[in-house]
N, C-alpha and C. Protein backbone atom coordinates (compact mmCIF):
# COMPACT_ATOMS: atom_id res chain seq x y z
N UNK A 1 20.91 85.74 -137.91
CA UNK A 1 21.75 87.33 -137.21
C UNK A 1 21.46 87.31 -135.37
N UNK A 2 20.27 87.13 -135.69
CA UNK A 2 19.70 87.31 -134.15
C UNK A 2 20.34 86.31 -133.28
N UNK A 3 20.39 84.78 -133.53
CA UNK A 3 20.89 83.80 -133.01
C UNK A 3 22.63 84.18 -132.73
N UNK A 4 23.22 84.39 -133.87
CA UNK A 4 24.74 85.14 -133.68
C UNK A 4 25.04 86.11 -132.53
N UNK A 5 24.16 87.04 -132.58
CA UNK A 5 24.35 88.32 -131.97
C UNK A 5 24.12 87.96 -130.70
N UNK A 6 23.19 86.91 -130.45
CA UNK A 6 22.72 86.31 -129.20
C UNK A 6 23.95 85.72 -128.20
N UNK A 7 24.46 84.92 -129.31
CA UNK A 7 25.70 84.15 -128.56
C UNK A 7 26.89 84.77 -128.34
N UNK A 8 26.90 86.31 -129.47
CA UNK A 8 28.22 86.74 -128.98
C UNK A 8 28.17 87.94 -127.87
N UNK A 9 26.63 87.86 -127.58
CA UNK A 9 26.45 89.08 -126.31
C UNK A 9 26.83 88.00 -124.87
N UNK A 10 26.16 86.82 -125.03
CA UNK A 10 26.65 85.43 -123.99
C UNK A 10 27.72 85.61 -123.88
N UNK A 11 28.68 85.40 -125.30
CA UNK A 11 30.23 85.32 -124.49
C UNK A 11 30.68 86.24 -123.87
N UNK A 12 30.06 88.07 -124.29
CA UNK A 12 30.48 88.87 -123.63
C UNK A 12 30.29 89.10 -121.92
N UNK A 13 29.35 88.55 -121.79
CA UNK A 13 28.79 88.57 -120.34
C UNK A 13 29.92 87.70 -119.16
N UNK A 14 30.14 86.34 -120.46
CA UNK A 14 31.48 85.77 -119.57
C UNK A 14 32.59 86.75 -119.63
N UNK A 15 32.84 86.95 -120.73
CA UNK A 15 34.56 87.67 -120.19
C UNK A 15 34.16 88.77 -119.36
N UNK A 16 33.46 89.86 -119.41
CA UNK A 16 32.48 90.47 -118.76
C UNK A 16 33.57 91.85 -118.55
N UNK A 17 34.31 92.05 -119.83
CA UNK A 17 34.82 93.27 -120.61
C UNK A 17 34.47 93.97 -121.71
N UNK A 18 33.73 94.51 -121.98
CA UNK A 18 33.06 95.52 -122.75
C UNK A 18 34.13 96.15 -123.86
N UNK A 19 35.19 96.40 -123.84
CA UNK A 19 36.06 97.04 -124.63
C UNK A 19 36.82 95.86 -125.19
N UNK A 20 36.81 94.25 -124.79
CA UNK A 20 37.27 93.23 -126.09
C UNK A 20 37.10 93.46 -127.21
N UNK A 21 37.31 92.83 -128.07
CA UNK A 21 37.23 92.85 -129.66
C UNK A 21 36.13 91.99 -129.71
N UNK A 22 35.72 91.18 -129.26
CA UNK A 22 34.29 90.57 -129.59
C UNK A 22 33.30 91.42 -128.48
N UNK A 23 33.48 91.75 -127.82
CA UNK A 23 32.18 92.75 -127.09
C UNK A 23 32.17 93.88 -128.20
N UNK A 24 33.13 94.62 -129.21
CA UNK A 24 33.02 95.53 -129.87
C UNK A 24 32.12 94.66 -131.10
N UNK A 25 32.64 93.92 -131.62
CA UNK A 25 31.95 93.02 -132.82
C UNK A 25 30.70 92.73 -132.10
N UNK A 26 30.15 92.43 -131.06
CA UNK A 26 28.62 92.07 -130.63
C UNK A 26 28.02 93.29 -130.81
N UNK A 27 28.78 94.44 -130.73
CA UNK A 27 27.73 95.66 -130.59
C UNK A 27 27.64 96.09 -131.55
N UNK A 28 28.61 95.69 -133.03
CA UNK A 28 28.56 96.17 -134.15
C UNK A 28 27.56 95.26 -134.85
N UNK A 29 27.31 93.87 -134.82
CA UNK A 29 26.19 93.30 -135.09
C UNK A 29 24.93 93.89 -134.56
N UNK A 30 24.59 94.18 -133.09
CA UNK A 30 23.38 94.71 -133.35
C UNK A 30 22.58 96.10 -133.73
N UNK A 31 24.07 97.12 -134.01
CA UNK A 31 23.65 98.05 -134.56
C UNK A 31 23.46 97.74 -136.15
N UNK A 32 24.21 96.92 -136.70
CA UNK A 32 23.51 96.27 -138.23
C UNK A 32 21.91 95.94 -138.19
N UNK A 33 21.85 94.75 -137.10
CA UNK A 33 20.12 94.40 -136.92
C UNK A 33 19.19 95.13 -136.73
N UNK A 34 19.47 96.57 -135.57
CA UNK A 34 18.51 97.37 -135.63
C UNK A 34 18.55 98.33 -136.88
N UNK A 35 19.46 98.44 -137.87
CA UNK A 35 19.26 99.28 -139.73
C UNK A 35 18.41 97.90 -139.94
N UNK A 36 18.68 96.80 -140.07
CA UNK A 36 17.86 96.07 -140.82
C UNK A 36 16.15 96.11 -140.07
N UNK A 37 16.07 96.12 -138.77
CA UNK A 37 14.62 95.97 -138.46
C UNK A 37 14.03 97.49 -138.84
N UNK A 38 14.95 98.01 -139.25
CA UNK A 38 14.16 100.12 -139.74
C UNK A 38 13.50 99.51 -140.75
N UNK A 39 14.02 98.30 -141.60
CA UNK A 39 13.50 98.55 -142.99
C UNK A 39 12.53 97.55 -143.16
N UNK A 40 11.76 96.62 -141.89
CA UNK A 40 10.78 95.91 -142.09
C UNK A 40 9.59 96.49 -141.69
N UNK A 41 8.76 96.24 -143.17
CA UNK A 41 7.22 96.67 -143.31
C UNK A 41 6.61 97.03 -142.04
N UNK A 42 6.86 94.99 -141.84
CA UNK A 42 5.71 94.35 -141.13
C UNK A 42 5.56 95.12 -139.66
N UNK A 43 5.06 96.25 -139.24
CA UNK A 43 5.28 96.57 -138.00
C UNK A 43 5.44 95.41 -136.48
N UNK A 44 4.50 94.22 -136.98
CA UNK A 44 4.37 93.35 -135.89
C UNK A 44 5.50 92.58 -135.74
N UNK A 45 6.32 92.19 -137.05
CA UNK A 45 7.24 91.45 -136.81
C UNK A 45 8.81 92.20 -136.33
N UNK A 46 8.57 93.87 -136.79
CA UNK A 46 9.87 94.66 -136.46
C UNK A 46 9.56 95.07 -134.98
N UNK A 47 8.35 95.28 -134.15
CA UNK A 47 8.35 94.91 -133.14
C UNK A 47 8.60 93.85 -132.13
N UNK A 48 8.14 92.70 -132.52
CA UNK A 48 8.96 91.64 -131.95
C UNK A 48 10.40 91.47 -132.12
N UNK A 49 11.26 91.52 -133.36
CA UNK A 49 12.16 91.47 -133.63
C UNK A 49 13.23 92.73 -132.79
N UNK A 50 12.33 93.65 -132.37
CA UNK A 50 12.66 95.04 -131.44
C UNK A 50 12.92 94.54 -130.17
N UNK A 51 12.20 94.12 -130.04
CA UNK A 51 12.08 93.44 -128.23
C UNK A 51 13.23 92.61 -127.70
N UNK A 52 13.47 91.89 -128.92
CA UNK A 52 14.60 90.96 -128.38
C UNK A 52 15.93 91.85 -128.56
N UNK A 53 16.23 92.55 -129.32
CA UNK A 53 17.55 93.36 -129.95
C UNK A 53 17.47 94.12 -128.61
N UNK A 54 16.88 94.83 -128.28
CA UNK A 54 16.33 95.91 -126.78
C UNK A 54 17.11 94.89 -125.51
N UNK A 55 16.57 93.68 -125.29
CA UNK A 55 17.03 93.21 -124.60
C UNK A 55 18.85 92.69 -124.22
N UNK A 56 19.26 92.35 -125.38
CA UNK A 56 20.40 91.72 -125.70
C UNK A 56 20.70 93.30 -125.82
N UNK A 57 20.85 94.04 -126.43
CA UNK A 57 21.50 96.01 -126.14
C UNK A 57 21.66 96.15 -124.58
N UNK A 58 20.30 95.68 -123.45
CA UNK A 58 20.62 95.73 -122.44
C UNK A 58 21.51 95.29 -121.77
N UNK A 59 21.52 93.76 -122.01
CA UNK A 59 22.33 92.44 -121.33
C UNK A 59 23.80 93.53 -121.48
N UNK A 60 24.54 94.05 -122.69
CA UNK A 60 25.89 94.49 -122.89
C UNK A 60 25.98 95.92 -122.40
N UNK A 61 24.83 96.51 -121.88
CA UNK A 61 24.73 98.12 -121.38
C UNK A 61 25.18 97.63 -119.67
N UNK A 62 24.64 96.53 -119.13
CA UNK A 62 24.88 96.65 -117.79
C UNK A 62 26.05 96.24 -117.34
N UNK A 63 26.89 95.17 -118.62
CA UNK A 63 27.94 95.46 -118.40
C UNK A 63 28.81 96.27 -117.71
N UNK A 64 28.56 97.41 -118.51
CA UNK A 64 29.41 98.59 -118.28
C UNK A 64 28.98 99.43 -116.95
């Protein structure tokens, strides 16, 4: 899922418009992944995934 989210965010960065449907789908996928990360029992793994997710979310926020 993270790979898919990364590809979607990259396409969003190329389009440059946060209001497009693809960018909205990317934000929704990132939210879903964030919820999944919260349910991970292994704190180290959750932290690694959170760092990756934070980076992707930051890229989207920088478009706005």
